Amino acid sequence: MLLNVLAVGDVASETGLDCLHRHLRALKKQHDVHFTVVNGENAAGLGLLPRHADEIFDAGADVITLGNHTWGKLQITDYLEDNPYILRPANYAPNLPGRGFGLYDGPKGLKIGVLNLMGRFELDCHLSSPFLLADRVLKEDFAAADVVLVDFHAEATSEKGAMGWYLDGRVQAVWGTHTHVPTADGQVLPKGTGFITDVGMTGPALSILGVKPENSVSRFLGGLPRRYEAAQGPGKLNAVLFTIDTDANRCVRVTRCDVFD
């Protein structure tokens, strides 16, 4: 079958949550989406609360992934333990709450593996290698998976690209999150893995990465440090659709699916 997987960019602030509620289900219907993964780590600005996770699921997400702001709101720790459909980066220390990958039921009995990883460059050099961890998970935990999807939360475009090529032919889709800017390099790599460097952001459209532009401008002009504030105004939803031929075990198409208020 042709399996349509939607990857939704980082949900930022209440504007992002509102945008997700207003547009995600219609977008899924429009593109006949079978499985949806939403990165939710900025729903509260830095991190998310259990109520934010509930809202994201209610909006239509099948799985929530996180990133470097996973622990921004420590109230989420019990939720991470209790709900197998929310993932934090798998290469955090194994003693930390939650899980970094899961195997989920898809249409027609398909088993869909989702792996959440975080890059080390400019984020956290104390993480274990996401590349070596991916090897282990694919070998030991996803042996029964029919489709494997990877959200790679990373700063450097080179590190994201390296992950895509490293996993080419072993997983069906790799997408980058974290930088909040959608890239134009959606492609199917030579061995059949769908890849894009960054899917973008779901949040305030008139912003710098989701925050008030004056916050960032002031920083670059040497202003005093200040707390970033979420921008107001219209929202946008950045997403990418991966069309996967499950019989051929490869991605056949990568399509941008953006919605603006």
C-alpha atoms as a PDB file:
ATOM      1  CA  MET A   1       0.000   0.000   0.000  1.00  0.00           C
ATOM      2  CA  LEU A   2       0.931   3.658  -0.194  1.00  0.00           C
ATOM      3  CA  LEU A   3       1.238   4.877   3.387  1.00  0.00           C
ATOM      4  CA  ASN A   4       0.960   8.632   3.915  1.00  0.00           C
ATOM      5  CA  VAL A   5       2.910   9.886   6.937  1.00  0.00           C
ATOM      6  CA  LEU A   6       2.653  13.521   8.039  1.00  0.00           C
ATOM      7  CA  ALA A   7       5.518  15.078  10.023  1.00  0.00           C
ATOM      8  CA  VAL A   8       4.531  18.366  11.701  1.00  0.00           C
ATOM      9  CA  GLY A   9       7.109  20.967  12.727  1.00  0.00           C
ATOM     10  CA  ASP A  10       7.721  22.116  16.282  1.00  0.00           C
ATOM     11  CA  VAL A  11       4.556  23.428  17.928  1.00  0.00           C
ATOM     12  CA  ALA A  12       5.426  26.817  19.442  1.00  0.00           C
ATOM     13  CA  SER A  13       3.239  28.559  22.045  1.00  0.00           C
ATOM     14  CA  GLU A  14      -0.529  28.796  22.323  1.00  0.00           C
ATOM     15  CA  THR A  15      -0.637  30.178  18.780  1.00  0.00           C
ATOM     16  CA  GLY A  16       0.857  26.925  17.520  1.00  0.00           C
ATOM     17  CA  LEU A  17      -1.589  24.852  19.542  1.00  0.00           C
ATOM     18  CA  ASP A  18      -4.529  26.869  18.221  1.00  0.00           C
ATOM     19  CA  CYS A  19      -3.259  26.554  14.655  1.00  0.00           C
ATOM     20  CA  LEU A  20      -2.844  22.809  15.067  1.00  0.00           C
ATOM     21  CA  HIS A  21      -6.427  22.460  16.323  1.00  0.00           C
ATOM     22  CA  ARG A  22      -7.842  24.513  13.476  1.00  0.00           C
ATOM     23  CA  HIS A  23      -5.939  22.938  10.599  1.00  0.00           C
ATOM     24  CA  LEU A  24      -4.448  19.516  11.318  1.00  0.00           C
ATOM     25  CA  ARG A  25      -7.507  17.307  10.873  1.00  0.00           C
ATOM     26  CA  ALA A  26      -8.482  19.040   7.620  1.00  0.00           C
ATOM     27  CA  LEU A  27      -4.917  18.680   6.345  1.00  0.00           C
ATOM     28  CA  LYS A  28      -4.919  14.978   7.191  1.00  0.00           C
ATOM     29  CA  LYS A  29      -8.204  14.493   5.355  1.00  0.00           C
ATOM     30  CA  GLN A  30      -6.983  16.456   2.321  1.00  0.00           C
ATOM     31  CA  HIS A  31      -3.886  14.272   1.931  1.00  0.00           C
ATOM     32  CA  ASP A  32      -5.388  10.967   3.121  1.00  0.00           C
ATOM     33  CA  VAL A  33      -2.885  10.789   5.987  1.00  0.00           C
ATOM     34  CA  HIS A  34      -2.588   7.454   7.788  1.00  0.00           C
ATOM     35  CA  PHE A  35      -0.120   8.375  10.546  1.00  0.00           C
ATOM     36  CA  THR A  36       0.905  11.721  12.061  1.00  0.00           C
ATOM     37  CA  VAL A  37       3.946  12.654  14.144  1.00  0.00           C
ATOM     38  CA  VAL A  38       4.030  16.110  15.779  1.00  0.00           C
ATOM     39  CA  ASN A  39       7.037  17.658  17.503  1.00  0.00           C
ATOM     40  CA  GLY A  40       5.617  19.389  20.572  1.00  0.00           C
ATOM     41  CA  GLU A  41       8.610  20.509  22.591  1.00  0.00           C
ATOM     42  CA  ASN A  42       7.906  24.260  22.390  1.00  0.00           C
ATOM     43  CA  ALA A  43       4.196  24.203  23.194  1.00  0.00           C
ATOM     44  CA  ALA A  44       4.896  26.041  26.467  1.00  0.00           C
ATOM     45  CA  GLY A  45       7.695  28.126  24.976  1.00  0.00           C
ATOM     46  CA  LEU A  46      10.342  25.912  26.545  1.00  0.00           C
ATOM     47  CA  GLY A  47       8.959  22.422  27.061  1.00  0.00           C
ATOM     48  CA  LEU A  48       5.350  21.392  27.427  1.00  0.00           C
ATOM     49  CA  LEU A  49       2.879  20.512  30.138  1.00  0.00           C
ATOM     50  CA  PRO A  50       0.653  17.425  30.230  1.00  0.00           C
ATOM     51  CA  ARG A  51      -2.318  19.532  29.139  1.00  0.00           C
ATOM     52  CA  HIS A  52      -0.375  20.647  26.054  1.00  0.00           C
ATOM     53  CA  ALA A  53       0.355  17.025  25.137  1.00  0.00           C
ATOM     54  CA  ASP A  54      -3.333  16.196  25.557  1.00  0.00           C
ATOM     55  CA  GLU A  55      -4.224  19.105  23.264  1.00  0.00           C
ATOM     56  CA  ILE A  56      -1.788  17.917  20.593  1.00  0.00           C
ATOM     57  CA  PHE A  57      -3.238  14.410  20.668  1.00  0.00           C
ATOM     58  CA  ASP A  58      -6.753  15.852  20.580  1.00  0.00           C
ATOM     59  CA  ALA A  59      -5.795  17.880  17.489  1.00  0.00           C
ATOM     60  CA  GLY A  60      -4.915  14.694  15.609  1.00  0.00           C
ATOM     61  CA  ALA A  61      -1.374  13.569  16.452  1.00  0.00           C
ATOM     62  CA  ASP A  62      -0.671   9.848  16.703  1.00  0.00           C
ATOM     63  CA  VAL A  63       2.766  10.332  18.277  1.00  0.00           C
ATOM     64  CA  ILE A  64       4.438  13.374  19.886  1.00  0.00           C
ATOM     65  CA  THR A  65       8.203  13.822  19.688  1.00  0.00           C
ATOM     66  CA  LEU A  66      10.360  16.193  21.722  1.00  0.00           C
ATOM     67  CA  GLY A  67      13.894  17.618  21.788  1.00  0.00           C
ATOM     68  CA  ASN A  68      16.322  19.758  23.749  1.00  0.00           C
ATOM     69  CA  HIS A  69      13.516  21.462  25.714  1.00  0.00           C
ATOM     70  CA  THR A  70      12.046  18.154  26.905  1.00  0.00           C
ATOM     71  CA  TRP A  71      12.782  19.064  30.520  1.00  0.00           C
ATOM     72  CA  GLY A  72      11.704  22.705  30.207  1.00  0.00           C
ATOM     73  CA  LYS A  73       8.600  21.875  32.232  1.00  0.00           C
ATOM     74  CA  LEU A  74       9.360  19.102  34.692  1.00  0.00           C
ATOM     75  CA  GLN A  75       5.645  18.481  35.226  1.00  0.00           C
ATOM     76  CA  ILE A  76       5.827  16.369  32.063  1.00  0.00           C
ATOM     77  CA  THR A  77       8.045  13.676  33.609  1.00  0.00           C
ATOM     78  CA  ASP A  78       5.273  11.398  34.909  1.00  0.00           C
ATOM     79  CA  TYR A  79       3.376  11.823  31.640  1.00  0.00           C
ATOM     80  CA  LEU A  80       6.453  10.636  29.716  1.00  0.00           C
ATOM     81  CA  GLU A  81       6.533   7.505  31.848  1.00  0.00           C
ATOM     82  CA  ASP A  82       2.821   6.768  31.559  1.00  0.00           C
ATOM     83  CA  ASN A  83       2.053   7.529  27.894  1.00  0.00           C
ATOM     84  CA  PRO A  84       3.917   5.428  25.286  1.00  0.00           C
ATOM     85  CA  TYR A  85       2.791   7.731  22.476  1.00  0.00           C
ATOM     86  CA  ILE A  86       5.025  10.628  23.542  1.00  0.00           C
ATOM     87  CA  LEU A  87       8.773  10.286  22.938  1.00  0.00           C
ATOM     88  CA  ARG A  88      11.807  12.190  24.166  1.00  0.00           C
ATOM     89  CA  PRO A  89      15.215  11.866  22.454  1.00  0.00           C
ATOM     90  CA  ALA A  90      16.405   8.290  22.821  1.00  0.00           C
ATOM     91  CA  ASN A  91      20.027   9.311  23.299  1.00  0.00           C
ATOM     92  CA  TYR A  92      19.378  11.034  26.618  1.00  0.00           C
ATOM     93  CA  ALA A  93      20.752   9.057  29.575  1.00  0.00           C
ATOM     94  CA  PRO A  94      18.713   5.835  29.931  1.00  0.00           C
ATOM     95  CA  ASN A  95      17.886   6.553  33.586  1.00  0.00           C
ATOM     96  CA  LEU A  96      15.827   9.616  32.645  1.00  0.00           C
ATOM     97  CA  PRO A  97      12.021   9.386  32.485  1.00  0.00           C
ATOM     98  CA  GLY A  98      10.238   8.291  29.348  1.00  0.00           C
ATOM     99  CA  ARG A  99      11.277   6.499  26.192  1.00  0.00           C
ATOM    100  CA  GLY A 100      12.872   7.477  22.901  1.00  0.00           C
ATOM    101  CA  PHE A 101      11.212   5.084  20.491  1.00  0.00           C
ATOM    102  CA  GLY A 102       8.042   3.093  20.082  1.00  0.00           C
ATOM    103  CA  LEU A 103       6.392   0.528  17.828  1.00  0.00           C
ATOM    104  CA  TYR A 104       2.822   1.441  16.900  1.00  0.00           C
ATOM    105  CA  ASP A 105      -0.101  -0.090  15.039  1.00  0.00           C
ATOM    106  CA  GLY A 106      -0.720   1.331  11.571  1.00  0.00           C
ATOM    107  CA  PRO A 107      -3.323   0.559   8.891  1.00  0.00           C
ATOM    108  CA  LYS A 108      -3.714  -2.989   7.539  1.00  0.00           C
ATOM    109  CA  GLY A 109      -1.702  -4.470  10.390  1.00  0.00           C
ATOM    110  CA  LEU A 110       1.460  -2.483   9.659  1.00  0.00           C
ATOM    111  CA  LYS A 111       3.892  -1.970  12.526  1.00  0.00           C
ATOM    112  CA  ILE A 112       5.293   1.583  12.478  1.00  0.00           C
ATOM    113  CA  GLY A 113       8.445   2.346  14.440  1.00  0.00           C
ATOM    114  CA  VAL A 114       9.120   5.937  15.478  1.00  0.00           C
ATOM    115  CA  LEU A 115      12.557   6.960  16.753  1.00  0.00           C
ATOM    116  CA  ASN A 116      13.283  10.361  18.334  1.00  0.00           C
ATOM    117  CA  LEU A 117      16.963  11.388  18.348  1.00  0.00           C
ATOM    118  CA  MET A 118      18.829  14.576  19.189  1.00  0.00           C
ATOM    119  CA  GLY A 119      21.997  15.944  17.641  1.00  0.00           C
ATOM    120  CA  ARG A 120      25.057  16.776  19.700  1.00  0.00           C
ATOM    121  CA  PHE A 121      26.522  19.740  17.822  1.00  0.00           C
ATOM    122  CA  GLU A 122      25.664  22.965  19.716  1.00  0.00           C
ATOM    123  CA  LEU A 123      22.964  21.184  21.749  1.00  0.00           C
ATOM    124  CA  ASP A 124      24.354  18.690  24.258  1.00  0.00           C
ATOM    125  CA  CYS A 125      27.755  17.085  23.829  1.00  0.00           C
ATOM    126  CA  HIS A 126      26.981  14.749  26.748  1.00  0.00           C
ATOM    127  CA  LEU A 127      24.377  12.838  24.775  1.00  0.00           C
ATOM    128  CA  SER A 128      25.281   9.413  23.483  1.00  0.00           C
ATOM    129  CA  SER A 129      25.905   9.182  19.733  1.00  0.00           C
ATOM    130  CA  PRO A 130      22.585   9.345  17.865  1.00  0.00           C
ATOM    131  CA  PHE A 131      24.151   7.426  14.991  1.00  0.00           C
ATOM    132  CA  LEU A 132      25.278   4.470  17.076  1.00  0.00           C
ATOM    133  CA  LEU A 133      22.032   4.471  19.040  1.00  0.00           C
ATOM    134  CA  ALA A 134      20.057   4.340  15.794  1.00  0.00           C
ATOM    135  CA  ASP A 135      22.056   1.261  14.810  1.00  0.00           C
ATOM    136  CA  ARG A 136      21.172  -0.468  18.067  1.00  0.00           C
ATOM    137  CA  VAL A 137      17.471   0.397  17.993  1.00  0.00           C
ATOM    138  CA  LEU A 138      17.093  -0.743  14.390  1.00  0.00           C
ATOM    139  CA  LYS A 139      18.798  -4.038  15.171  1.00  0.00           C
ATOM    140  CA  GLU A 140      17.332  -4.837  18.572  1.00  0.00           C
ATOM    141  CA  ASP A 141      14.012  -3.027  18.925  1.00  0.00           C
ATOM    142  CA  PHE A 142      12.629  -2.489  15.435  1.00  0.00           C
ATOM    143  CA  ALA A 143      13.218  -5.941  13.967  1.00  0.00           C
ATOM    144  CA  ALA A 144       9.432  -6.369  13.675  1.00  0.00           C
ATOM    145  CA  ALA A 145       8.785  -2.905  12.200  1.00  0.00           C
ATOM    146  CA  ASP A 146       7.379  -2.627   8.677  1.00  0.00           C
ATOM    147  CA  VAL A 147       8.089   1.122   8.509  1.00  0.00           C
ATOM    148  CA  VAL A 148      10.567   3.208  10.525  1.00  0.00           C
ATOM    149  CA  LEU A 149      10.323   6.985  10.938  1.00  0.00           C
ATOM    150  CA  VAL A 150      12.990   9.197  12.527  1.00  0.00           C
ATOM    151  CA  ASP A 151      12.598  12.707  13.975  1.00  0.00           C
ATOM    152  CA  PHE A 152      16.158  14.026  14.308  1.00  0.00           C
ATOM    153  CA  HIS A 153      16.136  17.115  16.510  1.00  0.00           C
ATOM    154  CA  ALA A 154      19.398  18.884  15.698  1.00  0.00           C
ATOM    155  CA  GLU A 155      20.999  22.294  15.198  1.00  0.00           C
ATOM    156  CA  ALA A 156      23.449  21.658  12.362  1.00  0.00           C
ATOM    157  CA  THR A 157      22.149  21.025   8.866  1.00  0.00           C
ATOM    158  CA  SER A 158      25.253  18.928   8.229  1.00  0.00           C
ATOM    159  CA  GLU A 159      24.474  16.641  11.158  1.00  0.00           C
ATOM    160  CA  LYS A 160      20.898  16.230   9.959  1.00  0.00           C
ATOM    161  CA  GLY A 161      22.041  15.473   6.437  1.00  0.00           C
ATOM    162  CA  ALA A 162      24.571  12.967   7.735  1.00  0.00           C
ATOM    163  CA  MET A 163      21.837  11.151   9.627  1.00  0.00           C
ATOM    164  CA  GLY A 164      19.631  10.967   6.542  1.00  0.00           C
ATOM    165  CA  TRP A 165      22.389   9.478   4.425  1.00  0.00           C
ATOM    166  CA  TYR A 166      23.581   7.206   7.241  1.00  0.00           C
ATOM    167  CA  LEU A 167      20.113   5.660   7.553  1.00  0.00           C
ATOM    168  CA  ASP A 168      19.325   5.654   3.823  1.00  0.00           C
ATOM    169  CA  GLY A 169      17.778   2.333   2.884  1.00  0.00           C
ATOM    170  CA  ARG A 170      17.353   1.246   6.510  1.00  0.00           C
ATOM    171  CA  VAL A 171      14.413   3.499   7.415  1.00  0.00           C
ATOM    172  CA  GLN A 172      11.646   4.999   5.310  1.00  0.00           C
ATOM    173  CA  ALA A 173      11.766   8.633   6.487  1.00  0.00           C
ATOM    174  CA  VAL A 174      14.139  10.981   8.328  1.00  0.00           C
ATOM    175  CA  TRP A 175      13.190  14.572   9.038  1.00  0.00           C
ATOM    176  CA  GLY A 176      14.856  17.329  10.988  1.00  0.00           C
ATOM    177  CA  THR A 177      13.280  19.492  13.654  1.00  0.00           C
ATOM    178  CA  HIS A 178      14.512  22.231  16.035  1.00  0.00           C
ATOM    179  CA  THR A 179      15.552  25.139  13.796  1.00  0.00           C
ATOM    180  CA  HIS A 180      11.928  26.180  13.051  1.00  0.00           C
ATOM    181  CA  VAL A 181      12.703  27.151   9.438  1.00  0.00           C
ATOM    182  CA  PRO A 182      11.408  24.859   6.671  1.00  0.00           C
ATOM    183  CA  THR A 183      14.037  23.787   4.165  1.00  0.00           C
ATOM    184  CA  ALA A 184      13.638  23.245   0.429  1.00  0.00           C
ATOM    185  CA  ASP A 185      15.556  19.976   0.146  1.00  0.00           C
ATOM    186  CA  GLY A 186      12.790  17.398   0.483  1.00  0.00           C
ATOM    187  CA  GLN A 187      13.982  14.363  -1.473  1.00  0.00           C
ATOM    188  CA  VAL A 188      14.095  10.603  -1.721  1.00  0.00           C
ATOM    189  CA  LEU A 189      17.670   9.453  -1.144  1.00  0.00           C
ATOM    190  CA  PRO A 190      19.204   6.825  -3.474  1.00  0.00           C
ATOM    191  CA  LYS A 191      18.313   3.780  -1.371  1.00  0.00           C
ATOM    192  CA  GLY A 192      14.736   4.887  -0.698  1.00  0.00           C
ATOM    193  CA  THR A 193      14.677   7.000   2.455  1.00  0.00           C
ATOM    194  CA  GLY A 194      12.584  10.171   2.363  1.00  0.00           C
ATOM    195  CA  PHE A 195      14.524  13.095   3.853  1.00  0.00           C
ATOM    196  CA  ILE A 196      14.224  16.794   4.626  1.00  0.00           C
ATOM    197  CA  THR A 197      16.613  18.845   6.737  1.00  0.00           C
ATOM    198  CA  ASP A 198      13.889  20.664   8.696  1.00  0.00           C
ATOM    199  CA  VAL A 199      10.106  20.552   8.526  1.00  0.00           C
ATOM    200  CA  GLY A 200       9.729  24.013  10.097  1.00  0.00           C
ATOM    201  CA  MET A 201       7.417  25.249  12.848  1.00  0.00           C
ATOM    202  CA  THR A 202       3.777  25.400  13.843  1.00  0.00           C
ATOM    203  CA  GLY A 203       3.310  28.745  15.569  1.00  0.00           C
ATOM    204  CA  PRO A 204       3.281  32.519  15.084  1.00  0.00           C
ATOM    205  CA  ALA A 205       3.871  33.388  11.430  1.00  0.00           C
ATOM    206  CA  LEU A 206       5.032  36.968  12.115  1.00  0.00           C
ATOM    207  CA  SER A 207       7.954  36.067  14.343  1.00  0.00           C
ATOM    208  CA  ILE A 208      11.579  35.041  14.559  1.00  0.00           C
ATOM    209  CA  LEU A 209      11.419  31.307  15.265  1.00  0.00           C
ATOM    210  CA  GLY A 210       8.152  31.843  17.139  1.00  0.00           C
ATOM    211  CA  VAL A 211       9.175  34.724  19.400  1.00  0.00           C
ATOM    212  CA  LYS A 212       8.630  38.475  19.146  1.00  0.00           C
ATOM    213  CA  PRO A 213      11.067  39.867  16.558  1.00  0.00           C
ATOM    214  CA  GLU A 214      12.146  42.673  18.890  1.00  0.00           C
ATOM    215  CA  ASN A 215      13.422  40.090  21.395  1.00  0.00           C
ATOM    216  CA  SER A 216      15.911  38.678  18.918  1.00  0.00           C
ATOM    217  CA  VAL A 217      16.806  42.020  17.355  1.00  0.00           C
ATOM    218  CA  SER A 218      17.632  43.454  20.781  1.00  0.00           C
ATOM    219  CA  ARG A 219      19.957  40.550  21.503  1.00  0.00           C
ATOM    220  CA  PHE A 220      21.928  41.107  18.320  1.00  0.00           C
ATOM    221  CA  LEU A 221      22.187  44.821  19.068  1.00  0.00           C
ATOM    222  CA  GLY A 222      23.803  44.099  22.433  1.00  0.00           C
ATOM    223  CA  GLY A 223      20.739  44.670  24.592  1.00  0.00           C
ATOM    224  CA  LEU A 224      20.320  43.275  28.066  1.00  0.00           C
ATOM    225  CA  PRO A 225      19.302  39.617  28.243  1.00  0.00           C
ATOM    226  CA  ARG A 226      15.559  39.236  28.405  1.00  0.00           C
ATOM    227  CA  ARG A 227      13.035  36.451  28.503  1.00  0.00           C
ATOM    228  CA  TYR A 228      11.827  35.488  25.066  1.00  0.00           C
ATOM    229  CA  GLU A 229       8.115  36.146  24.567  1.00  0.00           C
ATOM    230  CA  ALA A 230       5.890  34.336  22.105  1.00  0.00           C
ATOM    231  CA  ALA A 231       4.843  36.480  19.153  1.00  0.00           C
ATOM    232  CA  GLN A 232       1.184  37.262  18.599  1.00  0.00           C
ATOM    233  CA  GLY A 233      -0.823  37.414  15.395  1.00  0.00           C
ATOM    234  CA  PRO A 234      -1.645  34.855  12.709  1.00  0.00           C
ATOM    235  CA  GLY A 235      -0.288  31.331  12.838  1.00  0.00           C
ATOM    236  CA  LYS A 236       1.159  28.852  10.385  1.00  0.00           C
ATOM    237  CA  LEU A 237       1.506  25.082  10.254  1.00  0.00           C
ATOM    238  CA  ASN A 238       4.622  23.643   8.594  1.00  0.00           C
ATOM    239  CA  ALA A 239       4.497  19.957   7.741  1.00  0.00           C
ATOM    240  CA  VAL A 240       5.897  17.413   5.303  1.00  0.00           C
ATOM    241  CA  LEU A 241       4.107  14.430   3.790  1.00  0.00           C
ATOM    242  CA  PHE A 242       6.109  11.246   3.186  1.00  0.00           C
ATOM    243  CA  THR A 243       4.440   8.794   0.808  1.00  0.00           C
ATOM    244  CA  ILE A 244       5.816   5.312   1.475  1.00  0.00           C
ATOM    245  CA  ASP A 245       5.381   2.244  -0.705  1.00  0.00           C
ATOM    246  CA  THR A 246       5.202  -0.451   1.962  1.00  0.00           C
ATOM    247  CA  ASP A 247       5.500  -3.269  -0.592  1.00  0.00           C
ATOM    248  CA  ALA A 248       8.755  -1.856  -2.001  1.00  0.00           C
ATOM    249  CA  ASN A 249       9.851  -0.794   1.503  1.00  0.00           C
ATOM    250  CA  ARG A 250      10.813   2.709   0.377  1.00  0.00           C
ATOM    251  CA  CYS A 251       9.592   6.301   0.269  1.00  0.00           C
ATOM    252  CA  VAL A 252       8.404   7.408  -3.145  1.00  0.00           C
ATOM    253  CA  ARG A 253       7.529  11.069  -2.580  1.00  0.00           C
ATOM    254  CA  VAL A 254       8.261  13.947  -0.172  1.00  0.00           C
ATOM    255  CA  THR A 255       5.775  16.834  -0.279  1.00  0.00           C
ATOM    256  CA  ARG A 256       5.568  20.091   1.674  1.00  0.00           C
ATOM    257  CA  CYS A 257       2.161  20.693   3.291  1.00  0.00           C
ATOM    258  CA  ASP A 258       2.047  24.198   4.776  1.00  0.00           C
ATOM    259  CA  VAL A 259      -1.019  26.071   6.038  1.00  0.00           C
ATOM    260  CA  PHE A 260      -1.155  29.805   6.844  1.00  0.00           C
ATOM    261  CA  ASP A 261      -3.910  31.638   8.716  1.00  0.00           C
END
